[in-house]
Amino acid sequence: MLLFATAVFFLLITPGPGVLSVAGVGSGFGYGHGQRYLWGLCVGNFLVGIAVVSGLAAIVLATPGLRDILLFASAAYLGWLAYRIATAGGKVAFTAAQKAPGWRDGITLQLINPKAYAVNTTLFTGFGFLPGALTWEIALKFLILNAIWIPIHFLWLWAGVTLRRLDLPERYMRAINLTMAFCLTAVVVLALISV
């Protein structure tokens, strides 16, 4: 169980679409909007976990062409997100948007997020610790996963909100935006290379 929790921590602490986007929403729209978006990510991640555990994800992703469609939809969304962040200028991410991303946007991102499927598949198919009680093991894995997942995402939200409150000079904000955009672009490129 400790090995599983350690794997969860290291798989989730690394920047991916979810944590980078929640930091961006927090920095652009503040804590309230960021929290709604985060809870959408949480629900979306739970749905991805259910899809992985039930085998639905394996069936859907094995369907010829569907995996590529989901991958390219995710890459397009993340590319758009990276562009919005990079072109925000001296203001931290999303400030030019008309409407703050909400919980539906969080759910949608997780459902098309390749990292969410990869992480959940790795965690639920590996790191067995109750071989004679698979149902209990899965239930405990969901509890442990969320006990780590939620605080880590709130930490990234806090980082984004803190950036918003710091009111840094424009050149620093531009550098932060470009770094966030670069990280999201790197995620897109890595996902597309793995096809």
N, C-alpha and C. Protein backbone atom coordinates (compact mmCIF):
# COMPACT_ATOMS: atom_id res chain seq x y z
N MET A 1 0.83 -1.19 0.00
CA MET A 1 0.00 0.00 0.00
C MET A 1 0.88 1.26 0.00
N LEU A 2 1.97 1.22 0.74
CA LEU A 2 2.88 2.37 0.78
C LEU A 2 3.53 2.59 -0.58
N LEU A 3 3.86 1.50 -1.26
CA LEU A 3 4.43 1.61 -2.60
C LEU A 3 3.43 2.26 -3.56
N PHE A 4 2.16 1.87 -3.44
CA PHE A 4 1.10 2.47 -4.26
C PHE A 4 0.98 3.96 -3.99
N ALA A 5 0.94 4.34 -2.71
CA ALA A 5 0.82 5.76 -2.34
C ALA A 5 2.01 6.56 -2.85
N THR A 6 3.20 5.98 -2.78
CA THR A 6 4.40 6.67 -3.29
C THR A 6 4.30 6.87 -4.79
N ALA A 7 3.84 5.83 -5.49
CA ALA A 7 3.67 5.95 -6.94
C ALA A 7 2.64 7.03 -7.28
N VAL A 8 1.54 7.07 -6.55
CA VAL A 8 0.52 8.09 -6.77
C VAL A 8 1.14 9.47 -6.62
N PHE A 9 1.87 9.67 -5.55
CA PHE A 9 2.49 10.98 -5.29
C PHE A 9 3.37 11.40 -6.47
N PHE A 10 4.27 10.52 -6.89
CA PHE A 10 5.21 10.91 -7.94
C PHE A 10 4.54 11.05 -9.30
N LEU A 11 3.52 10.26 -9.57
CA LEU A 11 2.81 10.41 -10.84
C LEU A 11 1.98 11.68 -10.88
N LEU A 12 1.51 12.13 -9.73
CA LEU A 12 0.64 13.31 -9.70
C LEU A 12 1.36 14.63 -9.49
N ILE A 13 2.50 14.61 -8.84
CA ILE A 13 3.20 15.86 -8.55
C ILE A 13 3.84 16.45 -9.80
N THR A 14 4.11 15.58 -10.79
CA THR A 14 4.73 16.07 -12.02
C THR A 14 3.71 16.86 -12.83
N PRO A 15 4.15 17.95 -13.43
CA PRO A 15 3.20 18.79 -14.17
C PRO A 15 2.58 18.04 -15.35
N GLY A 16 1.30 18.08 -15.39
CA GLY A 16 0.54 17.53 -16.50
C GLY A 16 -0.57 18.51 -16.84
N PRO A 17 -1.43 18.16 -17.77
CA PRO A 17 -2.50 19.08 -18.17
C PRO A 17 -3.38 19.53 -17.01
N GLY A 18 -3.73 18.64 -16.12
CA GLY A 18 -4.63 18.99 -15.02
C GLY A 18 -4.03 20.01 -14.07
N VAL A 19 -2.85 19.72 -13.55
CA VAL A 19 -2.27 20.64 -12.56
C VAL A 19 -1.85 21.96 -13.18
N LEU A 20 -1.33 21.91 -14.41
CA LEU A 20 -0.94 23.16 -15.06
C LEU A 20 -2.17 24.03 -15.35
N SER A 21 -3.26 23.38 -15.78
CA SER A 21 -4.45 24.18 -16.10
C SER A 21 -5.10 24.73 -14.84
N VAL A 22 -5.10 23.96 -13.73
CA VAL A 22 -5.70 24.48 -12.50
C VAL A 22 -4.88 25.66 -11.96
N ALA A 23 -3.57 25.60 -12.11
CA ALA A 23 -2.73 26.74 -11.72
C ALA A 23 -3.05 27.95 -12.60
N GLY A 24 -3.25 27.72 -13.89
CA GLY A 24 -3.58 28.80 -14.80
C GLY A 24 -4.94 29.42 -14.49
N VAL A 25 -5.93 28.60 -14.21
CA VAL A 25 -7.26 29.12 -13.87
C VAL A 25 -7.19 29.90 -12.56
N GLY A 26 -6.44 29.39 -11.59
CA GLY A 26 -6.29 30.09 -10.31
C GLY A 26 -5.61 31.44 -10.49
N SER A 27 -4.58 31.48 -11.34
CA SER A 27 -3.86 32.73 -11.53
C SER A 27 -4.67 33.73 -12.34
N GLY A 28 -5.50 33.24 -13.24
CA GLY A 28 -6.26 34.14 -14.09
C GLY A 28 -7.59 34.58 -13.50
N PHE A 29 -8.23 33.71 -12.72
CA PHE A 29 -9.57 34.00 -12.26
C PHE A 29 -9.76 33.94 -10.75
N GLY A 30 -8.74 33.53 -10.03
CA GLY A 30 -8.84 33.51 -8.58
C GLY A 30 -9.28 32.16 -8.02
N TYR A 31 -9.36 32.13 -6.71
CA TYR A 31 -9.58 30.89 -5.98
C TYR A 31 -10.97 30.27 -6.24
N GLY A 32 -12.01 31.07 -6.22
CA GLY A 32 -13.37 30.54 -6.38
C GLY A 32 -13.56 29.81 -7.70
N HIS A 33 -13.20 30.46 -8.80
CA HIS A 33 -13.31 29.83 -10.11
C HIS A 33 -12.36 28.64 -10.22
N GLY A 34 -11.16 28.81 -9.67
CA GLY A 34 -10.18 27.72 -9.70
C GLY A 34 -10.67 26.50 -8.94
N GLN A 35 -11.34 26.73 -7.82
CA GLN A 35 -11.85 25.62 -7.03
C GLN A 35 -12.95 24.87 -7.78
N ARG A 36 -13.84 25.59 -8.45
CA ARG A 36 -14.90 24.93 -9.24
C ARG A 36 -14.27 24.10 -10.36
N TYR A 37 -13.29 24.66 -11.02
CA TYR A 37 -12.59 23.94 -12.09
C TYR A 37 -11.90 22.69 -11.53
N LEU A 38 -11.26 22.84 -10.37
CA LEU A 38 -10.57 21.73 -9.73
C LEU A 38 -11.54 20.59 -9.40
N TRP A 39 -12.72 20.92 -8.85
CA TRP A 39 -13.68 19.86 -8.53
C TRP A 39 -14.18 19.18 -9.79
N GLY A 40 -14.25 19.90 -10.89
CA GLY A 40 -14.57 19.27 -12.18
C GLY A 40 -13.48 18.29 -12.59
N LEU A 41 -12.22 18.70 -12.41
CA LEU A 41 -11.11 17.78 -12.68
C LEU A 41 -11.22 16.53 -11.82
N CYS A 42 -11.58 16.72 -10.57
CA CYS A 42 -11.70 15.60 -9.63
C CYS A 42 -12.78 14.62 -10.09
N VAL A 43 -13.95 15.14 -10.46
CA VAL A 43 -15.04 14.28 -10.94
C VAL A 43 -14.60 13.59 -12.24
N GLY A 44 -13.97 14.34 -13.12
CA GLY A 44 -13.48 13.76 -14.38
C GLY A 44 -12.47 12.66 -14.13
N ASN A 45 -11.56 12.86 -13.18
CA ASN A 45 -10.56 11.84 -12.87
C ASN A 45 -11.22 10.59 -12.28
N PHE A 46 -12.25 10.78 -11.46
CA PHE A 46 -12.98 9.65 -10.91
C PHE A 46 -13.64 8.86 -12.05
N LEU A 47 -14.24 9.57 -13.01
CA LEU A 47 -14.88 8.90 -14.14
C LEU A 47 -13.86 8.14 -14.98
N VAL A 48 -12.68 8.72 -15.16
CA VAL A 48 -11.61 8.03 -15.88
C VAL A 48 -11.20 6.78 -15.11
N GLY A 49 -11.08 6.89 -13.79
CA GLY A 49 -10.74 5.73 -12.96
C GLY A 49 -11.77 4.63 -13.10
N ILE A 50 -13.05 4.99 -13.08
CA ILE A 50 -14.13 4.01 -13.24
C ILE A 50 -14.03 3.36 -14.62
N ALA A 51 -13.75 4.17 -15.65
CA ALA A 51 -13.61 3.62 -17.01
C ALA A 51 -12.45 2.63 -17.09
N VAL A 52 -11.36 2.95 -16.41
CA VAL A 52 -10.19 2.05 -16.42
C VAL A 52 -10.50 0.77 -15.66
N VAL A 53 -11.06 0.89 -14.47
CA VAL A 53 -11.34 -0.28 -13.63
C VAL A 53 -12.38 -1.19 -14.28
N SER A 54 -13.38 -0.62 -14.92
CA SER A 54 -14.44 -1.41 -15.53
C SER A 54 -14.01 -2.06 -16.85
N GLY A 55 -12.91 -1.60 -17.41
CA GLY A 55 -12.47 -2.13 -18.70
C GLY A 55 -13.00 -1.33 -19.87
N LEU A 56 -13.89 -0.39 -19.60
CA LEU A 56 -14.47 0.43 -20.67
C LEU A 56 -13.39 1.21 -21.42
N ALA A 57 -12.44 1.74 -20.69
CA ALA A 57 -11.36 2.50 -21.33
C ALA A 57 -10.57 1.61 -22.28
N ALA A 58 -10.30 0.38 -21.88
CA ALA A 58 -9.56 -0.54 -22.74
C ALA A 58 -10.33 -0.82 -24.03
N ILE A 59 -11.64 -1.01 -23.91
CA ILE A 59 -12.47 -1.28 -25.09
C ILE A 59 -12.51 -0.06 -26.01
N VAL A 60 -12.76 1.11 -25.41
CA VAL A 60 -12.85 2.34 -26.21
C VAL A 60 -11.52 2.66 -26.86
N LEU A 61 -10.45 2.57 -26.10
CA LEU A 61 -9.13 2.93 -26.64
C LEU A 61 -8.62 1.89 -27.62
N ALA A 62 -9.18 0.69 -27.60
CA ALA A 62 -8.79 -0.33 -28.57
C ALA A 62 -9.56 -0.18 -29.89
N THR A 63 -10.59 0.66 -29.88
CA THR A 63 -11.38 0.89 -31.10
C THR A 63 -10.51 1.65 -32.10
N PRO A 64 -10.33 1.08 -33.30
CA PRO A 64 -9.46 1.73 -34.28
C PRO A 64 -9.87 3.19 -34.54
N GLY A 65 -8.91 4.04 -34.44
CA GLY A 65 -9.12 5.45 -34.73
C GLY A 65 -9.64 6.28 -33.57
N LEU A 66 -10.40 5.69 -32.65
CA LEU A 66 -10.98 6.46 -31.55
C LEU A 66 -9.90 6.99 -30.61
N ARG A 67 -8.91 6.16 -30.34
CA ARG A 67 -7.81 6.60 -29.47
C ARG A 67 -7.12 7.82 -30.08
N ASP A 68 -6.88 7.77 -31.39
CA ASP A 68 -6.24 8.89 -32.06
C ASP A 68 -7.11 10.14 -32.03
N ILE A 69 -8.41 9.98 -32.18
CA ILE A 69 -9.32 11.12 -32.12
C ILE A 69 -9.26 11.77 -30.74
N LEU A 70 -9.31 10.95 -29.68
CA LEU A 70 -9.22 11.49 -28.32
C LEU A 70 -7.88 12.16 -28.08
N LEU A 71 -6.81 11.54 -28.56
CA LEU A 71 -5.48 12.11 -28.39
C LEU A 71 -5.37 13.46 -29.08
N PHE A 72 -5.85 13.55 -30.32
CA PHE A 72 -5.75 14.80 -31.05
C PHE A 72 -6.69 15.86 -30.48
N ALA A 73 -7.85 15.45 -29.97
CA ALA A 73 -8.75 16.41 -29.31
C ALA A 73 -8.07 16.98 -28.07
N SER A 74 -7.44 16.12 -27.31
CA SER A 74 -6.72 16.57 -26.12
C SER A 74 -5.56 17.46 -26.50
N ALA A 75 -4.79 17.05 -27.50
CA ALA A 75 -3.65 17.85 -27.95
C ALA A 75 -4.10 19.22 -28.46
N ALA A 76 -5.21 19.24 -29.18
CA ALA A 76 -5.72 20.52 -29.69
C ALA A 76 -6.14 21.43 -28.54
N TYR A 77 -6.85 20.86 -27.56
CA TYR A 77 -7.28 21.66 -26.42
C TYR A 77 -6.08 22.19 -25.64
N LEU A 78 -5.11 21.33 -25.40
CA LEU A 78 -3.93 21.75 -24.65
C LEU A 78 -3.10 22.75 -25.45
N GLY A 79 -3.05 22.56 -26.77
CA GLY A 79 -2.35 23.53 -27.62
C GLY A 79 -3.01 24.89 -27.55
N TRP A 80 -4.35 24.90 -27.60
CA TRP A 80 -5.10 26.15 -27.47
C TRP A 80 -4.83 26.80 -26.11
N LEU A 81 -4.84 25.97 -25.07
CA LEU A 81 -4.57 26.45 -23.73
C LEU A 81 -3.16 27.06 -23.64
N ALA A 82 -2.18 26.37 -24.21
CA ALA A 82 -0.80 26.88 -24.21
C ALA A 82 -0.72 28.21 -24.96
N TYR A 83 -1.40 28.30 -26.09
CA TYR A 83 -1.42 29.54 -26.86
C TYR A 83 -2.02 30.69 -26.04
N ARG A 84 -3.16 30.41 -25.38
CA ARG A 84 -3.81 31.44 -24.56
C ARG A 84 -2.89 31.93 -23.44
N ILE A 85 -2.19 31.00 -22.83
CA ILE A 85 -1.28 31.36 -21.74
C ILE A 85 -0.10 32.16 -22.29
N ALA A 86 0.48 31.69 -23.38
CA ALA A 86 1.66 32.36 -23.96
C ALA A 86 1.34 33.76 -24.45
N THR A 87 0.14 33.98 -24.93
CA THR A 87 -0.22 35.29 -25.48
C THR A 87 -0.90 36.20 -24.47
N ALA A 88 -0.91 35.79 -23.22
CA ALA A 88 -1.52 36.62 -22.18
C ALA A 88 -0.67 37.84 -21.86
N GLY A 89 0.54 37.90 -22.42
CA GLY A 89 1.42 39.05 -22.19
C GLY A 89 1.89 39.12 -20.75
N GLY A 90 1.76 40.30 -20.15
CA GLY A 90 2.25 40.51 -18.80
C GLY A 90 1.25 40.13 -17.73
N LYS A 91 0.11 39.63 -18.14
CA LYS A 91 -0.89 39.21 -17.18
C LYS A 91 -0.85 37.69 -17.13
N VAL A 92 -1.02 37.13 -15.95
CA VAL A 92 -0.94 35.68 -15.83
C VAL A 92 -2.18 35.05 -16.43
N ALA A 93 -1.95 34.08 -17.23
CA ALA A 93 -2.89 33.20 -17.90
C ALA A 93 -4.38 33.52 -17.80
N PHE A 94 -5.04 33.36 -18.88
CA PHE A 94 -6.50 33.39 -19.01
C PHE A 94 -7.14 34.75 -18.78
N THR A 95 -6.37 35.82 -18.55
CA THR A 95 -7.01 37.08 -18.20
C THR A 95 -7.84 37.65 -19.35
N ALA A 96 -7.55 37.24 -20.57
CA ALA A 96 -8.31 37.77 -21.70
C ALA A 96 -9.60 37.00 -21.96
N ALA A 97 -9.78 35.89 -21.29
CA ALA A 97 -10.97 35.08 -21.52
C ALA A 97 -12.22 35.80 -21.04
N GLN A 98 -13.31 35.56 -21.72
CA GLN A 98 -14.57 36.20 -21.35
C GLN A 98 -15.23 35.50 -20.17
N LYS A 99 -15.04 34.21 -20.07
CA LYS A 99 -15.68 33.43 -19.03
C LYS A 99 -14.67 32.48 -18.40
N ALA A 100 -14.69 32.40 -17.10
CA ALA A 100 -13.78 31.50 -16.39
C ALA A 100 -14.15 30.06 -16.65
N PRO A 101 -13.16 29.19 -16.86
CA PRO A 101 -13.45 27.76 -16.97
C PRO A 101 -14.11 27.28 -15.67
N GLY A 102 -15.08 26.40 -15.80
CA GLY A 102 -15.80 25.90 -14.63
C GLY A 102 -15.67 24.40 -14.48
N TRP A 103 -16.55 23.83 -13.67
CA TRP A 103 -16.45 22.40 -13.37
C TRP A 103 -16.66 21.54 -14.61
N ARG A 104 -17.53 21.96 -15.53
CA ARG A 104 -17.73 21.18 -16.76
C ARG A 104 -16.45 21.13 -17.59
N ASP A 105 -15.73 22.24 -17.62
CA ASP A 105 -14.46 22.27 -18.36
C ASP A 105 -13.44 21.33 -17.72
N GLY A 106 -13.44 21.27 -16.39
CA GLY A 106 -12.54 20.35 -15.70
C GLY A 106 -12.86 18.90 -16.01
N ILE A 107 -14.15 18.56 -16.00
CA ILE A 107 -14.55 17.19 -16.33
C ILE A 107 -14.14 16.86 -17.76
N THR A 108 -14.43 17.78 -18.68
CA THR A 108 -14.10 17.55 -20.08
C THR A 108 -12.61 17.34 -20.28
N LEU A 109 -11.79 18.18 -19.64
CA LEU A 109 -10.35 18.02 -19.81
C LEU A 109 -9.91 16.64 -19.34
N GLN A 110 -10.38 16.19 -18.19
CA GLN A 110 -9.94 14.88 -17.70
C GLN A 110 -10.40 13.76 -18.62
N LEU A 111 -11.59 13.87 -19.19
CA LEU A 111 -12.09 12.80 -20.06
C LEU A 111 -11.30 12.68 -21.35
N ILE A 112 -10.64 13.77 -21.79
CA ILE A 112 -9.83 13.69 -23.01
C ILE A 112 -8.33 13.79 -22.71
N ASN A 113 -7.97 13.74 -21.45
CA ASN A 113 -6.58 13.90 -21.02
C ASN A 113 -5.86 12.55 -21.05
N PRO A 114 -4.91 12.36 -21.98
CA PRO A 114 -4.22 11.08 -22.07
C PRO A 114 -3.46 10.72 -20.79
N LYS A 115 -2.93 11.73 -20.08
CA LYS A 115 -2.20 11.43 -18.86
C LYS A 115 -3.13 10.83 -17.80
N ALA A 116 -4.38 11.28 -17.75
CA ALA A 116 -5.33 10.73 -16.77
C ALA A 116 -5.53 9.24 -17.00
N TYR A 117 -5.66 8.83 -18.25
CA TYR A 117 -5.84 7.41 -18.56
C TYR A 117 -4.57 6.62 -18.26
N ALA A 118 -3.44 7.19 -18.65
CA ALA A 118 -2.17 6.48 -18.42
C ALA A 118 -1.90 6.30 -16.93
N VAL A 119 -2.10 7.36 -16.15
CA VAL A 119 -1.86 7.30 -14.71
C VAL A 119 -2.82 6.32 -14.05
N ASN A 120 -4.11 6.43 -14.36
CA ASN A 120 -5.09 5.54 -13.74
C ASN A 120 -4.86 4.08 -14.13
N THR A 121 -4.51 3.84 -15.38
CA THR A 121 -4.22 2.46 -15.80
C THR A 121 -3.02 1.91 -15.05
N THR A 122 -1.97 2.71 -14.94
CA THR A 122 -0.78 2.28 -14.20
C THR A 122 -1.12 1.98 -12.75
N LEU A 123 -1.87 2.84 -12.13
CA LEU A 123 -2.16 2.69 -10.70
C LEU A 123 -3.13 1.55 -10.42
N PHE A 124 -4.17 1.39 -11.23
CA PHE A 124 -5.17 0.38 -10.94
C PHE A 124 -4.79 -1.02 -11.43
N THR A 125 -3.91 -1.10 -12.42
CA THR A 125 -3.51 -2.43 -12.89
C THR A 125 -2.22 -2.91 -12.24
N GLY A 126 -1.49 -2.00 -11.65
CA GLY A 126 -0.24 -2.37 -10.98
C GLY A 126 -0.35 -2.16 -9.48
N PHE A 127 0.74 -2.38 -8.80
CA PHE A 127 0.85 -2.10 -7.36
C PHE A 127 -0.20 -2.85 -6.53
N GLY A 128 -0.40 -4.12 -6.84
CA GLY A 128 -1.36 -4.91 -6.08
C GLY A 128 -0.91 -5.09 -4.63
N PHE A 129 -1.86 -4.97 -3.71
CA PHE A 129 -1.52 -5.17 -2.30
C PHE A 129 -2.57 -6.00 -1.56
N LEU A 130 -3.69 -6.33 -2.21
CA LEU A 130 -4.70 -7.22 -1.62
C LEU A 130 -5.13 -8.24 -2.69
N PRO A 131 -4.25 -9.16 -3.05
CA PRO A 131 -4.56 -10.05 -4.16
C PRO A 131 -5.81 -10.91 -3.97
N GLY A 132 -6.16 -11.22 -2.76
CA GLY A 132 -7.34 -12.04 -2.51
C GLY A 132 -8.63 -11.24 -2.41
N ALA A 133 -8.53 -9.92 -2.44
CA ALA A 133 -9.72 -9.07 -2.27
C ALA A 133 -9.64 -7.89 -3.23
N LEU A 134 -9.82 -8.18 -4.50
CA LEU A 134 -9.66 -7.16 -5.54
C LEU A 134 -10.62 -5.98 -5.37
N THR A 135 -11.85 -6.24 -4.99
CA THR A 135 -12.82 -5.15 -4.81
C THR A 135 -12.36 -4.19 -3.72
N TRP A 136 -11.88 -4.75 -2.59
CA TRP A 136 -11.38 -3.89 -1.51
C TRP A 136 -10.13 -3.15 -1.94
N GLU A 137 -9.27 -3.83 -2.69
CA GLU A 137 -8.05 -3.16 -3.17
C GLU A 137 -8.40 -1.97 -4.05
N ILE A 138 -9.35 -2.15 -4.97
CA ILE A 138 -9.75 -1.05 -5.85
C ILE A 138 -10.36 0.09 -5.04
N ALA A 139 -11.22 -0.24 -4.07
CA ALA A 139 -11.82 0.80 -3.23
C ALA A 139 -10.75 1.56 -2.45
N LEU A 140 -9.80 0.85 -1.87
CA LEU A 140 -8.70 1.50 -1.14
C LEU A 140 -7.85 2.34 -2.07
N LYS A 141 -7.62 1.85 -3.28
CA LYS A 141 -6.83 2.62 -4.25
C LYS A 141 -7.53 3.94 -4.59
N PHE A 142 -8.86 3.90 -4.76
CA PHE A 142 -9.60 5.14 -5.01
C PHE A 142 -9.45 6.11 -3.84
N LEU A 143 -9.56 5.59 -2.61
CA LEU A 143 -9.40 6.44 -1.42
C LEU A 143 -8.01 7.05 -1.32
N ILE A 144 -6.99 6.22 -1.50
CA ILE A 144 -5.60 6.70 -1.42
C ILE A 144 -5.32 7.69 -2.54
N LEU A 145 -5.75 7.35 -3.74
CA LEU A 145 -5.54 8.23 -4.89
C LEU A 145 -6.13 9.61 -4.63
N ASN A 146 -7.38 9.66 -4.16
CA ASN A 146 -8.01 10.96 -3.92
C ASN A 146 -7.42 11.67 -2.71
N ALA A 147 -6.96 10.92 -1.72
CA ALA A 147 -6.34 11.55 -0.55
C ALA A 147 -5.04 12.26 -0.93
N ILE A 148 -4.43 11.84 -2.02
CA ILE A 148 -3.20 12.50 -2.50
C ILE A 148 -3.53 13.45 -3.64
N TRP A 149 -4.41 13.04 -4.55
CA TRP A 149 -4.75 13.81 -5.74
C TRP A 149 -5.32 15.18 -5.38
N ILE A 150 -6.29 15.20 -4.48
CA ILE A 150 -6.98 16.45 -4.14
C ILE A 150 -6.02 17.48 -3.52
N PRO A 151 -5.23 17.12 -2.48
CA PRO A 151 -4.30 18.12 -1.92
C PRO A 151 -3.26 18.62 -2.93
N ILE A 152 -2.76 17.72 -3.78
CA ILE A 152 -1.77 18.16 -4.78
C ILE A 152 -2.38 19.18 -5.73
N HIS A 153 -3.60 18.94 -6.17
CA HIS A 153 -4.24 19.90 -7.07
C HIS A 153 -4.57 21.21 -6.36
N PHE A 154 -4.96 21.13 -5.09
CA PHE A 154 -5.17 22.37 -4.33
C PHE A 154 -3.85 23.12 -4.15
N LEU A 155 -2.75 22.42 -4.03
CA LEU A 155 -1.44 23.06 -3.94
C LEU A 155 -1.13 23.82 -5.22
N TRP A 156 -1.41 23.21 -6.36
CA TRP A 156 -1.20 23.90 -7.64
C TRP A 156 -2.16 25.08 -7.80
N LEU A 157 -3.40 24.93 -7.34
CA LEU A 157 -4.34 26.06 -7.36
C LEU A 157 -3.82 27.19 -6.50
N TRP A 158 -3.35 26.87 -5.32
CA TRP A 158 -2.77 27.88 -4.43
C TRP A 158 -1.60 28.59 -5.11
N ALA A 159 -0.74 27.83 -5.81
CA ALA A 159 0.39 28.45 -6.52
C ALA A 159 -0.10 29.44 -7.56
N GLY A 160 -1.13 29.07 -8.31
CA GLY A 160 -1.68 29.97 -9.32
C GLY A 160 -2.29 31.22 -8.70
N VAL A 161 -3.06 31.04 -7.63
CA VAL A 161 -3.70 32.18 -6.95
C VAL A 161 -2.63 33.08 -6.34
N THR A 162 -1.58 32.49 -5.79
CA THR A 162 -0.47 33.27 -5.22
C THR A 162 0.19 34.12 -6.28
N LEU A 163 0.40 33.56 -7.47
CA LEU A 163 0.97 34.34 -8.57
C LEU A 163 0.08 35.54 -8.90
N ARG A 164 -1.22 35.32 -8.88
CA ARG A 164 -2.17 36.40 -9.17
C ARG A 164 -2.04 37.52 -8.13
N ARG A 165 -1.91 37.13 -6.87
CA ARG A 165 -1.86 38.11 -5.78
C ARG A 165 -0.53 38.84 -5.68
N LEU A 166 0.52 38.23 -6.20
CA LEU A 166 1.85 38.85 -6.08
C LEU A 166 1.98 40.12 -6.91
N ASP A 167 1.19 40.23 -7.96
CA ASP A 167 1.24 41.39 -8.84
C ASP A 167 2.69 41.69 -9.25
N LEU A 168 3.33 40.67 -9.81
CA LEU A 168 4.72 40.78 -10.24
C LEU A 168 4.85 41.72 -11.44
N PRO A 169 6.04 42.24 -11.67
CA PRO A 169 6.25 43.08 -12.86
C PRO A 169 5.91 42.29 -14.14
N GLU A 170 5.53 43.03 -15.15
CA GLU A 170 5.06 42.42 -16.40
C GLU A 170 6.06 41.43 -17.00
N ARG A 171 7.34 41.73 -16.95
CA ARG A 171 8.32 40.83 -17.58
C ARG A 171 8.38 39.49 -16.86
N TYR A 172 8.21 39.48 -15.54
CA TYR A 172 8.19 38.22 -14.80
C TYR A 172 6.93 37.42 -15.13
N MET A 173 5.81 38.12 -15.22
CA MET A 173 4.57 37.46 -15.55
C MET A 173 4.63 36.85 -16.95
N ARG A 174 5.22 37.59 -17.88
CA ARG A 174 5.38 37.07 -19.23
C ARG A 174 6.25 35.82 -19.22
N ALA A 175 7.33 35.84 -18.43
CA ALA A 175 8.21 34.67 -18.33
C ALA A 175 7.47 33.47 -17.73
N ILE A 176 6.64 33.72 -16.73
CA ILE A 176 5.84 32.65 -16.11
C ILE A 176 4.86 32.08 -17.13
N ASN A 177 4.19 32.97 -17.85
CA ASN A 177 3.24 32.51 -18.87
C ASN A 177 3.93 31.67 -19.94
N LEU A 178 5.08 32.14 -20.40
CA LEU A 178 5.80 31.39 -21.44
C LEU A 178 6.27 30.04 -20.91
N THR A 179 6.68 29.99 -19.65
CA THR A 179 7.10 28.72 -19.06
C THR A 179 5.93 27.75 -18.95
N MET A 180 4.78 28.24 -18.48
CA MET A 180 3.59 27.39 -18.39
C MET A 180 3.18 26.92 -19.78
N ALA A 181 3.21 27.81 -20.76
CA ALA A 181 2.85 27.44 -22.13
C ALA A 181 3.83 26.41 -22.68
N PHE A 182 5.10 26.59 -22.40
CA PHE A 182 6.11 25.62 -22.85
C PHE A 182 5.85 24.24 -22.25
N CYS A 183 5.54 24.21 -20.96
CA CYS A 183 5.27 22.93 -20.30
C CYS A 183 4.06 22.22 -20.91
N LEU A 184 2.99 22.97 -21.15
CA LEU A 184 1.81 22.37 -21.78
C LEU A 184 2.12 21.90 -23.20
N THR A 185 2.90 22.69 -23.94
CA THR A 185 3.29 22.30 -25.29
C THR A 185 4.14 21.04 -25.27
N ALA A 186 5.03 20.95 -24.28
CA ALA A 186 5.87 19.74 -24.14
C ALA A 186 5.00 18.52 -23.90
N VAL A 187 3.96 18.66 -23.09
CA VAL A 187 3.03 17.55 -22.84
C VAL A 187 2.36 17.14 -24.16
N VAL A 188 1.93 18.12 -24.94
CA VAL A 188 1.30 17.82 -26.23
C VAL A 188 2.27 17.09 -27.16
N VAL A 189 3.49 17.60 -27.28
CA VAL A 189 4.48 17.00 -28.16
C VAL A 189 4.80 15.58 -27.72
N LEU A 190 5.00 15.36 -26.43
CA LEU A 190 5.30 14.02 -25.93
C LEU A 190 4.14 13.06 -26.21
N ALA A 191 2.92 13.54 -26.03
CA ALA A 191 1.75 12.69 -26.30
C ALA A 191 1.68 12.32 -27.77
N LEU A 192 1.94 13.28 -28.66
CA LEU A 192 1.87 13.02 -30.09
C LEU A 192 3.01 12.12 -30.56
N ILE A 193 4.18 12.27 -29.96
CA ILE A 193 5.32 11.41 -30.32
C ILE A 193 5.05 9.96 -29.94
N SER A 194 4.31 9.77 -28.86
CA SER A 194 4.06 8.40 -28.39
C SER A 194 3.06 7.64 -29.24
N VAL A 195 2.44 8.30 -30.22
CA VAL A 195 1.44 7.64 -31.07
C VAL A 195 2.10 6.59 -31.95
